[in-house]
Amino acid sequence: MATEAPPRPAAPSPKRLSDGQRPPGIVADRAFRYLALAAGLMVLLILALIAYSTTNEAWPWFKEEGLGIFANNWDPAHDEFGVGALIYGTFLVSAIALVLAVPVSIGIALFVTEIAPPRLRRPIVYVVDLLAAIPSVVYGLWGLIVFAPWIVTYYEKISDSVSSIPVLNSIFGEPSQAGKSFATAGIIVAIMITPIITSIIREVYATCPASLKEAALAMGATRWEMIRGAVFPHSRSGTVAAVMIGLGRAVGETIAIALVVGSSVQLSANILGPGQTLAGIIPLEFGEASGTQRAALIGMGVVLFVATLVIGILARAIVARTDRRLAGEA
């Protein structure tokens, strides 16, 4: 004869709150909400104060030069403060750095996440993270003392080999004797931003669902076909964001570029020749600057600030557009 199970005790009825009594935890919840709001507003306030103070200090330059700030006539001795050549040098060095760093970063990230065995993966990750933590002045000194004198011989060989080829003979013209050039600065910056881009892309690739990879392999795809068909589409927006972060770092790099770029303000297509950038000229001339020249150097910081904001906005727009397109394809 089956015995009946004892009846379960009735669940206690929720305690009703009396009039004026607050739910438990509401005070802490509101405090956390206001604290988070204050932290977010603090970031905006700091950015606004930085923009205001630097623009106020640089206003004499903006007022005196107007659109002439984009001219190619930086000559403080004759009261000429156009920074067109410096803007050109900044983005030329950044472009060289991205061209060199992005393929290497993607290759390292793919090797670490998809190919390397676990016992080899961890040391590579440690080394990449360690390279990202090295101060920029160390890279600059290494580039000045070791890399620039060594690479100048190869610059001369490249220049001689393309001297009879139109266009290329302008891009790879007469190299600097000391090895200080746009190309040297670009290579050093590429070495500096490679660990940053690699770390971000590696984390993005690691978020690709294993089910997508296994499905591609189960259908007979090779490892490369699996990466191209599953990993790349899923990680496209994150890869773009990583490249934009690297670009922002390259645009604002200061000490390393100042040591190896050559300190020659000129608008030249020759990437093997000396040049200068916005961030590189500020520490070299700010100590002895006064008047409009000092305002111009602070104004360069404002230009870099605006350029960084524009790069960030473009990155967000590209990521959002990619996400919308992937959502539509799904």
Protein backbone atom coordinates (compact mmCIF):
# COMPACT_ATOMS: atom_id res chain seq x y z
CA MET A 1 0.00 0.00 0.00
CA ALA A 2 1.51 3.27 -1.12
CA THR A 3 2.09 5.85 1.55
CA GLU A 4 1.13 9.39 0.85
CA ALA A 5 3.86 11.96 0.84
CA PRO A 6 3.66 14.43 3.67
CA PRO A 7 2.27 17.78 2.58
CA ARG A 8 4.86 20.44 1.79
CA PRO A 9 4.90 23.40 4.06
CA ALA A 10 3.28 26.44 2.51
CA ALA A 11 5.67 29.10 1.27
CA PRO A 12 5.71 32.15 3.45
CA SER A 13 3.70 34.99 2.00
CA PRO A 14 5.76 38.01 0.98
CA LYS A 15 5.98 40.61 3.65
CA ARG A 16 3.98 43.65 2.83
CA LEU A 17 5.56 47.03 3.23
CA SER A 18 3.80 49.48 5.42
CA ASP A 19 3.08 53.01 4.22
CA GLY A 20 6.27 55.01 3.80
CA GLN A 21 8.55 51.96 4.17
CA ARG A 22 11.19 51.56 1.43
CA PRO A 23 11.98 48.25 -0.30
CA PRO A 24 15.20 46.64 0.97
CA GLY A 25 18.27 47.70 -1.02
CA ILE A 26 16.69 50.70 -2.72
CA VAL A 27 19.02 53.14 -0.98
CA ALA A 28 22.13 51.25 -2.10
CA ASP A 29 20.72 50.91 -5.61
CA ARG A 30 20.11 54.63 -5.90
CA ALA A 31 23.52 55.43 -4.45
CA PHE A 32 25.20 53.15 -6.99
CA ARG A 33 23.18 54.72 -9.83
CA TYR A 34 24.19 58.24 -8.83
CA LEU A 35 27.81 57.22 -8.32
CA ALA A 36 27.97 55.65 -11.78
CA LEU A 37 26.32 58.73 -13.29
CA ALA A 38 28.83 60.99 -11.54
CA ALA A 39 31.74 58.90 -12.83
CA GLY A 40 30.44 59.11 -16.39
CA LEU A 41 29.88 62.86 -16.15
CA MET A 42 33.35 63.27 -14.63
CA VAL A 43 34.92 61.87 -17.80
CA LEU A 44 32.98 64.33 -19.94
CA LEU A 45 33.86 67.18 -17.57
CA ILE A 46 37.58 66.37 -17.70
CA LEU A 47 37.52 66.22 -21.51
CA ALA A 48 35.66 69.53 -21.65
CA LEU A 49 38.16 71.19 -19.28
CA ILE A 50 41.11 69.88 -21.30
CA ALA A 51 39.58 71.13 -24.53
CA TYR A 52 38.74 74.52 -23.02
CA SER A 53 42.09 75.15 -21.34
CA THR A 54 44.22 74.11 -24.30
CA THR A 55 42.06 75.98 -26.80
CA ASN A 56 42.19 79.10 -24.61
CA GLU A 57 46.00 78.93 -24.45
CA ALA A 58 46.24 78.31 -28.21
CA TRP A 59 43.68 80.97 -29.19
CA PRO A 60 46.29 83.64 -30.11
CA TRP A 61 47.65 81.25 -32.76
CA PHE A 62 44.21 80.37 -34.12
CA LYS A 63 43.24 84.06 -34.14
CA GLU A 64 46.43 85.26 -35.84
CA GLU A 65 46.82 82.50 -38.42
CA GLY A 66 43.21 81.53 -39.13
CA LEU A 67 43.13 78.92 -41.88
CA GLY A 68 46.83 79.68 -42.34
CA ILE A 69 47.54 77.10 -39.65
CA PHE A 70 47.28 74.50 -42.42
CA ALA A 71 49.92 76.21 -44.57
CA ASN A 72 53.37 74.73 -45.10
CA ASN A 73 55.44 77.54 -43.60
CA TRP A 74 56.58 76.59 -40.11
CA ASP A 75 59.38 79.08 -39.44
CA PRO A 76 59.31 80.59 -35.93
CA ALA A 77 62.31 82.79 -36.74
CA HIS A 78 60.16 84.69 -39.28
CA ASP A 79 56.90 84.44 -37.29
CA GLU A 80 55.39 81.86 -39.63
CA PHE A 81 53.49 79.07 -37.90
CA GLY A 82 51.71 76.93 -40.49
CA VAL A 83 51.67 73.25 -39.58
CA GLY A 84 50.60 71.68 -42.89
CA ALA A 85 53.87 69.78 -43.23
CA LEU A 86 53.61 68.56 -39.63
CA ILE A 87 50.07 67.26 -40.17
CA TYR A 88 51.27 65.52 -43.33
CA GLY A 89 54.21 63.96 -41.47
CA THR A 90 51.95 62.79 -38.65
CA PHE A 91 49.59 60.88 -40.91
CA LEU A 92 52.40 59.62 -43.15
CA VAL A 93 54.20 58.04 -40.19
CA SER A 94 50.89 56.64 -38.92
CA ALA A 95 50.07 55.16 -42.33
CA ILE A 96 53.47 53.48 -42.58
CA ALA A 97 53.03 52.08 -39.07
CA LEU A 98 49.58 50.67 -39.82
CA VAL A 99 50.66 49.11 -43.11
CA LEU A 100 53.42 47.26 -41.27
CA ALA A 101 51.68 46.51 -37.97
CA VAL A 102 48.19 45.36 -38.97
CA PRO A 103 49.15 42.27 -41.06
CA VAL A 104 51.68 41.18 -38.44
CA SER A 105 49.17 41.69 -35.62
CA ILE A 106 46.49 39.67 -37.41
CA GLY A 107 48.99 36.90 -38.13
CA ILE A 108 50.13 36.70 -34.50
CA ALA A 109 46.54 36.75 -33.22
CA LEU A 110 45.52 33.96 -35.61
CA PHE A 111 48.53 31.86 -34.70
CA VAL A 112 47.89 32.24 -30.97
CA THR A 113 44.15 31.55 -31.11
CA GLU A 114 43.88 28.98 -33.90
CA ILE A 115 47.20 27.22 -34.50
CA ALA A 116 49.65 27.37 -31.59
CA PRO A 117 49.55 24.53 -29.02
CA PRO A 118 48.70 25.60 -25.45
CA ARG A 119 52.27 25.23 -24.16
CA LEU A 120 53.50 27.64 -26.84
CA ARG A 121 50.49 29.97 -26.71
CA ARG A 122 51.05 31.20 -23.19
CA PRO A 123 54.69 32.37 -23.63
CA ILE A 124 53.75 34.24 -26.81
CA VAL A 125 50.90 36.00 -25.02
CA TYR A 126 53.23 36.95 -22.16
CA VAL A 127 55.85 38.36 -24.54
CA VAL A 128 53.26 40.37 -26.49
CA ASP A 129 51.84 41.84 -23.29
CA LEU A 130 55.35 42.64 -22.08
CA LEU A 131 56.17 44.49 -25.31
CA ALA A 132 53.04 46.61 -24.86
CA ALA A 133 54.27 47.71 -21.42
CA ILE A 134 57.72 48.93 -22.53
CA PRO A 135 57.96 52.78 -22.34
CA SER A 136 58.07 54.59 -25.65
CA VAL A 137 61.37 56.30 -24.82
CA VAL A 138 63.03 52.86 -24.74
CA TYR A 139 61.83 52.17 -28.28
CA GLY A 140 63.02 55.62 -29.32
CA LEU A 141 66.50 55.20 -27.88
CA TRP A 142 66.83 51.76 -29.44
CA GLY A 143 65.73 53.17 -32.78
CA LEU A 144 68.18 56.08 -32.52
CA ILE A 145 71.23 54.15 -31.33
CA VAL A 146 70.80 50.73 -32.92
CA PHE A 147 68.12 50.57 -35.61
CA ALA A 148 68.64 53.82 -37.57
CA PRO A 149 72.40 53.35 -38.20
CA TRP A 150 71.77 49.73 -39.21
CA ILE A 151 68.82 50.32 -41.55
CA VAL A 152 70.40 53.22 -43.47
CA THR A 153 72.44 50.76 -45.58
CA TYR A 154 69.25 49.04 -46.75
CA TYR A 155 67.65 52.42 -47.43
CA GLU A 156 70.53 53.20 -49.79
CA LYS A 157 70.12 49.88 -51.59
CA ILE A 158 66.38 50.43 -52.02
CA SER A 159 66.90 53.96 -53.26
CA ASP A 160 69.54 52.89 -55.79
CA SER A 161 67.42 50.00 -57.09
CA VAL A 162 64.37 52.20 -57.87
CA SER A 163 66.23 55.33 -58.96
CA SER A 164 65.19 54.81 -62.60
CA ILE A 165 61.54 53.94 -61.90
CA PRO A 166 59.08 56.85 -62.03
CA VAL A 167 57.04 57.54 -58.87
CA LEU A 168 59.04 55.00 -56.87
CA ASN A 169 62.16 57.14 -57.20
CA SER A 170 60.21 59.94 -55.50
CA ILE A 171 58.83 57.78 -52.72
CA PHE A 172 62.17 56.07 -52.07
CA GLY A 173 64.44 59.01 -52.80
CA GLU A 174 67.76 60.02 -51.30
CA PRO A 175 67.92 58.53 -47.78
CA SER A 176 69.02 60.42 -44.71
CA GLN A 177 72.64 59.74 -43.86
CA ALA A 178 71.83 59.15 -40.19
CA GLY A 179 68.87 56.90 -40.95
CA LYS A 180 66.40 59.32 -39.36
CA SER A 181 63.36 59.46 -41.61
CA PHE A 182 59.63 59.03 -41.97
CA ALA A 183 60.18 55.34 -42.67
CA THR A 184 62.30 54.80 -39.55
CA ALA A 185 59.71 56.55 -37.40
CA GLY A 186 56.96 54.48 -39.02
CA ILE A 187 58.80 51.22 -38.35
CA ILE A 188 59.43 52.12 -34.71
CA VAL A 189 55.79 53.12 -34.19
CA ALA A 190 54.71 49.89 -35.93
CA ILE A 191 56.75 47.89 -33.41
CA MET A 192 55.11 49.87 -30.61
CA ILE A 193 51.50 49.46 -31.72
CA THR A 194 51.76 45.82 -32.83
CA PRO A 195 51.38 44.43 -29.27
CA ILE A 196 48.33 46.64 -28.65
CA ILE A 197 46.55 45.68 -31.86
CA THR A 198 47.54 42.03 -31.39
CA SER A 199 46.14 41.85 -27.87
CA ILE A 200 42.78 43.31 -28.89
CA ILE A 201 42.42 41.20 -32.04
CA ARG A 202 43.41 38.08 -30.10
CA GLU A 203 40.62 38.69 -27.60
CA VAL A 204 38.17 39.35 -30.44
CA TYR A 205 39.10 36.11 -32.23
CA ALA A 206 38.73 34.20 -28.96
CA THR A 207 35.07 35.27 -28.76
CA CYS A 208 34.19 33.48 -31.98
CA PRO A 209 31.78 30.65 -31.01
CA ALA A 210 33.29 27.20 -31.23
CA SER A 211 30.08 25.96 -32.86
CA LEU A 212 30.76 28.12 -35.93
CA LYS A 213 34.28 26.74 -36.30
CA GLU A 214 33.18 23.14 -35.77
CA ALA A 215 30.34 23.52 -38.25
CA ALA A 216 32.71 24.82 -40.93
CA LEU A 217 35.20 22.01 -40.31
CA ALA A 218 32.43 19.41 -40.28
CA MET A 219 31.35 20.54 -43.75
CA GLY A 220 34.84 19.77 -45.08
CA ALA A 221 36.41 23.23 -44.87
CA THR A 222 40.14 23.52 -44.38
CA ARG A 223 41.49 25.46 -41.44
CA TRP A 224 42.06 28.55 -43.61
CA GLU A 225 38.57 28.28 -45.10
CA MET A 226 37.17 27.99 -41.57
CA ILE A 227 39.06 31.12 -40.50
CA ARG A 228 37.99 33.04 -43.60
CA GLY A 229 34.35 31.95 -43.41
CA ALA A 230 33.73 31.90 -39.65
CA VAL A 231 36.37 33.82 -37.68
CA PHE A 232 36.87 36.85 -39.95
CA PRO A 233 33.18 37.73 -40.46
CA HIS A 234 32.41 37.33 -36.76
CA SER A 235 35.41 39.47 -35.73
CA ARG A 236 35.25 42.17 -38.39
CA SER A 237 33.97 44.99 -36.20
CA GLY A 238 36.40 44.17 -33.39
CA THR A 239 39.31 44.11 -35.83
CA VAL A 240 38.35 47.55 -37.14
CA ALA A 241 38.18 48.87 -33.59
CA ALA A 242 41.63 47.44 -32.82
CA VAL A 243 43.13 49.08 -35.91
CA MET A 244 41.55 52.42 -35.00
CA ILE A 245 42.96 52.20 -31.47
CA GLY A 246 46.38 51.52 -32.97
CA LEU A 247 45.96 54.51 -35.29
CA GLY A 248 45.10 56.73 -32.34
CA ARG A 249 48.26 55.58 -30.56
CA ALA A 250 50.36 56.15 -33.67
CA VAL A 251 49.00 59.67 -34.24
CA GLY A 252 49.76 60.75 -30.69
CA GLU A 253 53.18 59.13 -30.26
CA THR A 254 55.74 61.71 -29.15
CA ILE A 255 59.16 60.83 -27.75
CA ALA A 256 59.98 57.85 -29.95
CA ILE A 257 59.14 59.78 -33.12
CA ALA A 258 61.00 62.88 -31.96
CA LEU A 259 64.19 60.82 -31.61
CA VAL A 260 64.14 59.06 -35.00
CA VAL A 261 62.13 61.15 -37.49
CA GLY A 262 64.86 63.68 -38.26
CA SER A 263 63.42 67.04 -37.07
CA SER A 264 63.07 68.50 -40.57
CA VAL A 265 59.76 70.29 -41.22
CA GLN A 266 59.14 69.65 -44.91
CA LEU A 267 56.39 68.41 -47.20
CA SER A 268 58.10 65.62 -49.12
CA ALA A 269 57.01 62.36 -50.73
CA ASN A 270 60.39 60.82 -49.89
CA ILE A 271 59.73 58.49 -46.97
CA LEU A 272 63.46 57.79 -46.60
CA GLY A 273 64.18 61.46 -45.91
CA PRO A 274 63.91 63.35 -42.61
CA GLY A 275 60.66 64.91 -41.49
CA GLN A 276 58.66 65.89 -38.43
CA THR A 277 55.24 65.34 -36.85
CA LEU A 278 52.86 67.34 -34.67
CA ALA A 279 53.54 65.33 -31.55
CA GLY A 280 57.27 65.06 -32.25
CA ILE A 281 57.96 68.79 -32.49
CA ILE A 282 56.19 69.78 -29.26
CA PRO A 283 58.79 68.44 -26.77
CA LEU A 284 61.67 69.67 -28.93
CA GLU A 285 60.60 73.32 -29.09
CA PHE A 286 58.23 73.90 -26.18
CA GLY A 287 60.95 74.59 -23.59
CA GLU A 288 62.29 77.65 -25.44
CA ALA A 289 59.03 78.79 -27.04
CA SER A 290 57.14 81.97 -26.13
CA GLY A 291 54.38 84.13 -27.52
CA THR A 292 52.72 82.90 -30.68
CA GLN A 293 55.12 79.97 -31.04
CA ARG A 294 54.11 78.66 -27.62
CA ALA A 295 50.44 79.12 -28.52
CA ALA A 296 51.07 77.27 -31.79
CA LEU A 297 52.66 74.32 -30.00
CA ILE A 298 49.70 74.13 -27.61
CA GLY A 299 47.43 74.45 -30.64
CA MET A 300 49.09 71.36 -32.11
CA GLY A 301 47.90 69.51 -29.04
CA VAL A 302 44.39 70.76 -29.78
CA VAL A 303 44.69 69.51 -33.37
CA LEU A 304 45.83 66.10 -32.11
CA PHE A 305 42.96 66.07 -29.62
CA VAL A 306 40.44 66.76 -32.39
CA ALA A 307 42.09 64.18 -34.67
CA THR A 308 41.83 61.55 -31.93
CA LEU A 309 38.15 62.34 -31.41
CA VAL A 310 37.49 62.11 -35.15
CA ILE A 311 39.28 58.75 -35.33
CA GLY A 312 37.20 57.48 -32.41
CA ILE A 313 33.95 58.65 -34.01
CA LEU A 314 34.88 57.04 -37.33
CA ALA A 315 35.75 53.81 -35.54
CA ARG A 316 32.38 53.75 -33.79
CA ALA A 317 30.59 54.48 -37.07
CA ILE A 318 32.45 51.71 -38.91
CA VAL A 319 31.81 49.21 -36.11
CA ALA A 320 28.11 50.11 -35.97
CA ARG A 321 27.76 49.85 -39.75
CA THR A 322 29.48 46.45 -39.76
CA ASP A 323 27.23 45.19 -36.97
CA ARG A 324 24.10 46.33 -38.81
CA ARG A 325 25.24 44.64 -41.99
CA LEU A 326 26.00 41.38 -40.20
CA ALA A 327 22.64 41.53 -38.46
CA GLY A 328 20.93 42.02 -41.82
CA GLU A 329 22.78 39.07 -43.34
CA ALA A 330 21.76 36.89 -40.41
